[in-house]
Amino acid sequence: MPQRTLRFKIHQDGRVEETVEGFNGNACNSATKNIEDALGEVKVKNKTAEAFILNKNEKLKQFNTESNVTF
């Protein structure tokens, strides 16, 4: 399992920049939801290449929801 890292940079004007590493697909969203809710409004989200990597189970779920074929 890869190392999972959350990094926060707090700017002088109060903005918080969050960098998430080691999560594939949408796993980063669930890992950071509580922190983001506590910090306030999220103004910008930029996805990294890791966000577009799906594991096998996620691919099957996505395929099942996008088609009428069931496995």
PDB file of N, CA and C in Angstrom:
ATOM      1  N   MET A   1       0.844  -1.173   0.000  1.00  0.00           N
ATOM      2  CA  MET A   1       0.000   0.000   0.000  1.00  0.00           C
ATOM      3  C   MET A   1       0.893   1.241   0.000  1.00  0.00           C
ATOM      4  N   PRO A   2       0.589   2.210  -0.865  1.00  0.00           N
ATOM      5  CA  PRO A   2       1.425   3.408  -0.936  1.00  0.00           C
ATOM      6  C   PRO A   2       1.234   4.290   0.302  1.00  0.00           C
ATOM      7  N   GLN A   3       2.227   5.096   0.556  1.00  0.00           N
ATOM      8  CA  GLN A   3       2.119   6.049   1.658  1.00  0.00           C
ATOM      9  C   GLN A   3       1.093   7.106   1.283  1.00  0.00           C
ATOM     10  N   ARG A   4       0.222   7.433   2.213  1.00  0.00           N
ATOM     11  CA  ARG A   4      -0.791   8.465   1.992  1.00  0.00           C
ATOM     12  C   ARG A   4      -0.416   9.694   2.800  1.00  0.00           C
ATOM     13  N   THR A   5      -0.426  10.841   2.139  1.00  0.00           N
ATOM     14  CA  THR A   5       0.039  12.067   2.761  1.00  0.00           C
ATOM     15  C   THR A   5      -0.946  13.205   2.509  1.00  0.00           C
ATOM     16  N   LEU A   6      -1.233  13.972   3.560  1.00  0.00           N
ATOM     17  CA  LEU A   6      -2.001  15.211   3.449  1.00  0.00           C
ATOM     18  C   LEU A   6      -1.072  16.339   3.867  1.00  0.00           C
ATOM     19  N   ARG A   7      -0.912  17.331   2.989  1.00  0.00           N
ATOM     20  CA  ARG A   7      -0.053  18.478   3.298  1.00  0.00           C
ATOM     21  C   ARG A   7      -0.913  19.739   3.271  1.00  0.00           C
ATOM     22  N   PHE A   8      -0.665  20.625   4.222  1.00  0.00           N
ATOM     23  CA  PHE A   8      -1.406  21.873   4.293  1.00  0.00           C
ATOM     24  C   PHE A   8      -0.426  23.037   4.312  1.00  0.00           C
ATOM     25  N   LYS A   9      -0.711  24.029   3.485  1.00  0.00           N
ATOM     26  CA  LYS A   9       0.085  25.251   3.460  1.00  0.00           C
ATOM     27  C   LYS A   9      -0.876  26.384   3.796  1.00  0.00           C
ATOM     28  N   ILE A  10      -0.571  27.097   4.871  1.00  0.00           N
ATOM     29  CA  ILE A  10      -1.435  28.198   5.298  1.00  0.00           C
ATOM     30  C   ILE A  10      -0.763  29.505   4.865  1.00  0.00           C
ATOM     31  N   HIS A  11      -1.440  30.231   3.993  1.00  0.00           N
ATOM     32  CA  HIS A  11      -0.914  31.482   3.456  1.00  0.00           C
ATOM     33  C   HIS A  11      -1.165  32.622   4.433  1.00  0.00           C
ATOM     34  N   GLN A  12      -0.438  33.711   4.275  1.00  0.00           N
ATOM     35  CA  GLN A  12      -0.581  34.862   5.163  1.00  0.00           C
ATOM     36  C   GLN A  12      -1.975  35.473   5.102  1.00  0.00           C
ATOM     37  N   ASP A  13      -2.642  35.358   3.956  1.00  0.00           N
ATOM     38  CA  ASP A  13      -3.982  35.933   3.834  1.00  0.00           C
ATOM     39  C   ASP A  13      -5.075  34.994   4.370  1.00  0.00           C
ATOM     40  N   GLY A  14      -4.687  33.845   4.951  1.00  0.00           N
ATOM     41  CA  GLY A  14      -5.644  32.925   5.556  1.00  0.00           C
ATOM     42  C   GLY A  14      -6.067  31.771   4.673  1.00  0.00           C
ATOM     43  N   ARG A  15      -5.692  31.817   3.393  1.00  0.00           N
ATOM     44  CA  ARG A  15      -6.024  30.701   2.512  1.00  0.00           C
ATOM     45  C   ARG A  15      -5.269  29.461   2.951  1.00  0.00           C
ATOM     46  N   VAL A  16      -5.924  28.315   2.803  1.00  0.00           N
ATOM     47  CA  VAL A  16      -5.290  27.037   3.122  1.00  0.00           C
ATOM     48  C   VAL A  16      -5.197  26.234   1.837  1.00  0.00           C
ATOM     49  N   GLU A  17      -3.994  25.811   1.507  1.00  0.00           N
ATOM     50  CA  GLU A  17      -3.760  24.991   0.317  1.00  0.00           C
ATOM     51  C   GLU A  17      -3.488  23.567   0.788  1.00  0.00           C
ATOM     52  N   GLU A  18      -4.273  22.649   0.268  1.00  0.00           N
ATOM     53  CA  GLU A  18      -4.172  21.248   0.677  1.00  0.00           C
ATOM     54  C   GLU A  18      -3.648  20.424  -0.495  1.00  0.00           C
ATOM     55  N   THR A  19      -2.676  19.573  -0.236  1.00  0.00           N
ATOM     56  CA  THR A  19      -2.154  18.659  -1.245  1.00  0.00           C
ATOM     57  C   THR A  19      -2.317  17.243  -0.709  1.00  0.00           C
ATOM     58  N   VAL A  20      -2.909  16.389  -1.534  1.00  0.00           N
ATOM     59  CA  VAL A  20      -3.192  15.013  -1.129  1.00  0.00           C
ATOM     60  C   VAL A  20      -2.408  14.084  -2.040  1.00  0.00           C
ATOM     61  N   GLU A  21      -1.692  13.130  -1.442  1.00  0.00           N
ATOM     62  CA  GLU A  21      -0.882  12.186  -2.218  1.00  0.00           C
ATOM     63  C   GLU A  21      -1.152  10.763  -1.755  1.00  0.00           C
ATOM     64  N   GLY A  22      -1.103   9.832  -2.686  1.00  0.00           N
ATOM     65  CA  GLY A  22      -1.211   8.419  -2.344  1.00  0.00           C
ATOM     66  C   GLY A  22      -2.611   7.850  -2.390  1.00  0.00           C
ATOM     67  N   PHE A  23      -3.588   8.627  -2.852  1.00  0.00           N
ATOM     68  CA  PHE A  23      -4.964   8.162  -2.972  1.00  0.00           C
ATOM     69  C   PHE A  23      -5.317   8.047  -4.446  1.00  0.00           C
ATOM     70  N   ASN A  24      -5.965   6.953  -4.822  1.00  0.00           N
ATOM     71  CA  ASN A  24      -6.399   6.781  -6.207  1.00  0.00           C
ATOM     72  C   ASN A  24      -7.885   7.056  -6.326  1.00  0.00           C
ATOM     73  N   GLY A  25      -8.294   7.538  -7.497  1.00  0.00           N
ATOM     74  CA  GLY A  25      -9.711   7.787  -7.745  1.00  0.00           C
ATOM     75  C   GLY A  25     -10.277   8.839  -6.815  1.00  0.00           C
ATOM     76  N   ASN A  26     -11.514   8.602  -6.354  1.00  0.00           N
ATOM     77  CA  ASN A  26     -12.183   9.562  -5.485  1.00  0.00           C
ATOM     78  C   ASN A  26     -11.891   9.347  -4.006  1.00  0.00           C
ATOM     79  N   ALA A  27     -10.984   8.457  -3.672  1.00  0.00           N
ATOM     80  CA  ALA A  27     -10.663   8.179  -2.271  1.00  0.00           C
ATOM     81  C   ALA A  27     -10.160   9.425  -1.555  1.00  0.00           C
ATOM     82  N   CYS A  28      -9.517  10.333  -2.278  1.00  0.00           N
ATOM     83  CA  CYS A  28      -9.015  11.554  -1.642  1.00  0.00           C
ATOM     84  C   CYS A  28     -10.160  12.427  -1.147  1.00  0.00           C
ATOM     85  N   ASN A  29     -11.291  12.426  -1.861  1.00  0.00           N
ATOM     86  CA  ASN A  29     -12.432  13.232  -1.436  1.00  0.00           C
ATOM     87  C   ASN A  29     -12.985  12.769  -0.094  1.00  0.00           C
ATOM     88  N   SER A  30     -13.125  11.468   0.080  1.00  0.00           N
ATOM     89  CA  SER A  30     -13.650  10.963   1.341  1.00  0.00           C
ATOM     90  C   SER A  30     -12.623  11.125   2.467  1.00  0.00           C
ATOM     91  N   ALA A  31     -11.345  11.078   2.137  1.00  0.00           N
ATOM     92  CA  ALA A  31     -10.305  11.224   3.155  1.00  0.00           C
ATOM     93  C   ALA A  31     -10.207  12.656   3.666  1.00  0.00           C
ATOM     94  N   THR A  32     -10.569  13.630   2.850  1.00  0.00           N
ATOM     95  CA  THR A  32     -10.408  15.032   3.228  1.00  0.00           C
ATOM     96  C   THR A  32     -11.717  15.746   3.533  1.00  0.00           C
ATOM     97  N   LYS A  33     -12.842  15.072   3.380  1.00  0.00           N
ATOM     98  CA  LYS A  33     -14.147  15.722   3.542  1.00  0.00           C
ATOM     99  C   LYS A  33     -14.310  16.406   4.895  1.00  0.00           C
ATOM    100  N   ASN A  34     -14.037  15.716   5.982  1.00  0.00           N
ATOM    101  CA  ASN A  34     -14.222  16.305   7.314  1.00  0.00           C
ATOM    102  C   ASN A  34     -13.327  17.516   7.541  1.00  0.00           C
ATOM    103  N   ILE A  35     -12.097  17.432   7.063  1.00  0.00           N
ATOM    104  CA  ILE A  35     -11.164  18.553   7.222  1.00  0.00           C
ATOM    105  C   ILE A  35     -11.648  19.754   6.417  1.00  0.00           C
ATOM    106  N   GLU A  36     -12.061  19.514   5.177  1.00  0.00           N
ATOM    107  CA  GLU A  36     -12.537  20.602   4.328  1.00  0.00           C
ATOM    108  C   GLU A  36     -13.802  21.232   4.898  1.00  0.00           C
ATOM    109  N   ASP A  37     -14.704  20.420   5.431  1.00  0.00           N
ATOM    110  CA  ASP A  37     -15.916  20.951   6.056  1.00  0.00           C
ATOM    111  C   ASP A  37     -15.572  21.847   7.247  1.00  0.00           C
ATOM    112  N   ALA A  38     -14.585  21.446   8.029  1.00  0.00           N
ATOM    113  CA  ALA A  38     -14.183  22.222   9.202  1.00  0.00           C
ATOM    114  C   ALA A  38     -13.483  23.522   8.816  1.00  0.00           C
ATOM    115  N   LEU A  39     -12.723  23.503   7.717  1.00  0.00           N
ATOM    116  CA  LEU A  39     -11.981  24.695   7.309  1.00  0.00           C
ATOM    117  C   LEU A  39     -12.872  25.744   6.658  1.00  0.00           C
ATOM    118  N   GLY A  40     -13.953  25.319   6.022  1.00  0.00           N
ATOM    119  CA  GLY A  40     -14.840  26.285   5.372  1.00  0.00           C
ATOM    120  C   GLY A  40     -15.008  25.990   3.897  1.00  0.00           C
ATOM    121  N   GLU A  41     -15.328  27.031   3.149  1.00  0.00           N
ATOM    122  CA  GLU A  41     -15.653  26.901   1.733  1.00  0.00           C
ATOM    123  C   GLU A  41     -14.439  26.509   0.898  1.00  0.00           C
ATOM    124  N   VAL A  42     -14.622  25.485   0.064  1.00  0.00           N
ATOM    125  CA  VAL A  42     -13.583  25.082  -0.886  1.00  0.00           C
ATOM    126  C   VAL A  42     -13.808  25.878  -2.162  1.00  0.00           C
ATOM    127  N   LYS A  43     -12.816  26.655  -2.551  1.00  0.00           N
ATOM    128  CA  LYS A  43     -12.973  27.518  -3.728  1.00  0.00           C
ATOM    129  C   LYS A  43     -12.457  26.872  -4.996  1.00  0.00           C
ATOM    130  N   VAL A  44     -11.375  26.087  -4.898  1.00  0.00           N
ATOM    131  CA  VAL A  44     -10.769  25.477  -6.081  1.00  0.00           C
ATOM    132  C   VAL A  44     -10.297  24.077  -5.722  1.00  0.00           C
ATOM    133  N   LYS A  45     -10.560  23.130  -6.640  1.00  0.00           N
ATOM    134  CA  LYS A  45     -10.012  21.777  -6.507  1.00  0.00           C
ATOM    135  C   LYS A  45      -9.352  21.425  -7.825  1.00  0.00           C
ATOM    136  N   ASN A  46      -8.094  21.031  -7.757  1.00  0.00           N
ATOM    137  CA  ASN A  46      -7.362  20.579  -8.936  1.00  0.00           C
ATOM    138  C   ASN A  46      -7.003  19.120  -8.734  1.00  0.00           C
ATOM    139  N   LYS A  47      -7.367  18.295  -9.683  1.00  0.00           N
ATOM    140  CA  LYS A  47      -7.064  16.868  -9.581  1.00  0.00           C
ATOM    141  C   LYS A  47      -5.662  16.583 -10.101  1.00  0.00           C
ATOM    142  N   THR A  48      -4.988  15.652  -9.423  1.00  0.00           N
ATOM    143  CA  THR A  48      -3.688  15.188  -9.894  1.00  0.00           C
ATOM    144  C   THR A  48      -3.902  13.947 -10.748  1.00  0.00           C
ATOM    145  N   ALA A  49      -2.843  13.421 -11.304  1.00  0.00           N
ATOM    146  CA  ALA A  49      -2.942  12.217 -12.131  1.00  0.00           C
ATOM    147  C   ALA A  49      -3.491  11.041 -11.330  1.00  0.00           C
ATOM    148  N   GLU A  50      -3.184  10.986 -10.031  1.00  0.00           N
ATOM    149  CA  GLU A  50      -3.660   9.889  -9.181  1.00  0.00           C
ATOM    150  C   GLU A  50      -5.187   9.851  -9.098  1.00  0.00           C
ATOM    151  N   ALA A  51      -5.821  10.987  -9.244  1.00  0.00           N
ATOM    152  CA  ALA A  51      -7.283  11.048  -9.151  1.00  0.00           C
ATOM    153  C   ALA A  51      -7.959  10.305 -10.298  1.00  0.00           C
ATOM    154  N   PHE A  52      -7.243  10.087 -11.373  1.00  0.00           N
ATOM    155  CA  PHE A  52      -7.818   9.429 -12.539  1.00  0.00           C
ATOM    156  C   PHE A  52      -7.498   7.936 -12.598  1.00  0.00           C
ATOM    157  N   ILE A  53      -6.787   7.432 -11.590  1.00  0.00           N
ATOM    158  CA  ILE A  53      -6.457   6.011 -11.516  1.00  0.00           C
ATOM    159  C   ILE A  53      -7.546   5.317 -10.714  1.00  0.00           C
ATOM    160  N   LEU A  54      -8.208   4.364 -11.326  1.00  0.00           N
ATOM    161  CA  LEU A  54      -9.255   3.614 -10.649  1.00  0.00           C
ATOM    162  C   LEU A  54      -8.766   2.204 -10.366  1.00  0.00           C
ATOM    163  N   ASN A  55      -9.100   1.679  -9.186  1.00  0.00           N
ATOM    164  CA  ASN A  55      -8.764   0.284  -8.949  1.00  0.00           C
ATOM    165  C   ASN A  55      -9.800  -0.604  -9.635  1.00  0.00           C
ATOM    166  N   LYS A  56      -9.568  -1.891  -9.663  1.00  0.00           N
ATOM    167  CA  LYS A  56     -10.418  -2.821 -10.411  1.00  0.00           C
ATOM    168  C   LYS A  56     -11.873  -2.767  -9.940  1.00  0.00           C
ATOM    169  N   ASN A  57     -12.122  -2.706  -8.636  1.00  0.00           N
ATOM    170  CA  ASN A  57     -13.490  -2.658  -8.122  1.00  0.00           C
ATOM    171  C   ASN A  57     -14.214  -1.389  -8.550  1.00  0.00           C
ATOM    172  N   GLU A  58     -13.516  -0.259  -8.524  1.00  0.00           N
ATOM    173  CA  GLU A  58     -14.125   0.994  -8.945  1.00  0.00           C
ATOM    174  C   GLU A  58     -14.462   0.952 -10.434  1.00  0.00           C
ATOM    175  N   LYS A  59     -13.589   0.340 -11.241  1.00  0.00           N
ATOM    176  CA  LYS A  59     -13.862   0.238 -12.675  1.00  0.00           C
ATOM    177  C   LYS A  59     -15.116  -0.595 -12.927  1.00  0.00           C
ATOM    178  N   LEU A  60     -15.274  -1.709 -12.192  1.00  0.00           N
ATOM    179  CA  LEU A  60     -16.466  -2.529 -12.360  1.00  0.00           C
ATOM    180  C   LEU A  60     -17.723  -1.779 -11.943  1.00  0.00           C
ATOM    181  N   LYS A  61     -17.666  -1.056 -10.826  1.00  0.00           N
ATOM    182  CA  LYS A  61     -18.816  -0.269 -10.384  1.00  0.00           C
ATOM    183  C   LYS A  61     -19.176   0.773 -11.424  1.00  0.00           C
ATOM    184  N   GLN A  62     -18.167   1.472 -11.939  1.00  0.00           N
ATOM    185  CA  GLN A  62     -18.405   2.496 -12.949  1.00  0.00           C
ATOM    186  C   GLN A  62     -19.000   1.874 -14.203  1.00  0.00           C
ATOM    187  N   PHE A  63     -18.489   0.737 -14.620  1.00  0.00           N
ATOM    188  CA  PHE A  63     -19.007   0.071 -15.806  1.00  0.00           C
ATOM    189  C   PHE A  63     -20.456  -0.358 -15.595  1.00  0.00           C
ATOM    190  N   ASN A  64     -20.762  -0.895 -14.404  1.00  0.00           N
ATOM    191  CA  ASN A  64     -22.126  -1.338 -14.116  1.00  0.00           C
ATOM    192  C   ASN A  64     -23.105  -0.180 -14.113  1.00  0.00           C
ATOM    193  N   THR A  65     -22.710   0.978 -13.630  1.00  0.00           N
ATOM    194  CA  THR A  65     -23.622   2.111 -13.590  1.00  0.00           C
ATOM    195  C   THR A  65     -23.773   2.772 -14.954  1.00  0.00           C
ATOM    196  N   GLU A  66     -22.784   2.613 -15.821  1.00  0.00           N
ATOM    197  CA  GLU A  66     -22.838   3.239 -17.136  1.00  0.00           C
ATOM    198  C   GLU A  66     -23.430   2.323 -18.207  1.00  0.00           C
ATOM    199  N   SER A  67     -23.703   1.085 -17.867  1.00  0.00           N
ATOM    200  CA  SER A  67     -24.250   0.172 -18.861  1.00  0.00           C
ATOM    201  C   SER A  67     -25.392  -0.627 -18.240  1.00  0.00           C
ATOM    202  N   ASN A  68     -26.064  -1.408 -19.071  1.00  0.00           N
ATOM    203  CA  ASN A  68     -27.144  -2.224 -18.566  1.00  0.00           C
ATOM    204  C   ASN A  68     -26.699  -3.666 -18.338  1.00  0.00           C
ATOM    205  N   VAL A  69     -25.400  -3.897 -18.304  1.00  0.00           N
ATOM    206  CA  VAL A  69     -24.837  -5.223 -18.086  1.00  0.00           C
ATOM    207  C   VAL A  69     -24.475  -5.365 -16.610  1.00  0.00           C
ATOM    208  N   THR A  70     -24.843  -6.501 -16.019  1.00  0.00           N
ATOM    209  CA  THR A  70     -24.525  -6.736 -14.623  1.00  0.00           C
ATOM    210  C   THR A  70     -23.596  -7.924 -14.509  1.00  0.00           C
ATOM    211  N   PHE A  71     -22.582  -7.817 -13.664  1.00  0.00           N
ATOM    212  CA  PHE A  71     -21.632  -8.899 -13.446  1.00  0.00           C
ATOM    213  C   PHE A  71     -21.930  -9.568 -12.123  1.00  0.00           C
TER     214      PHE A  71
END
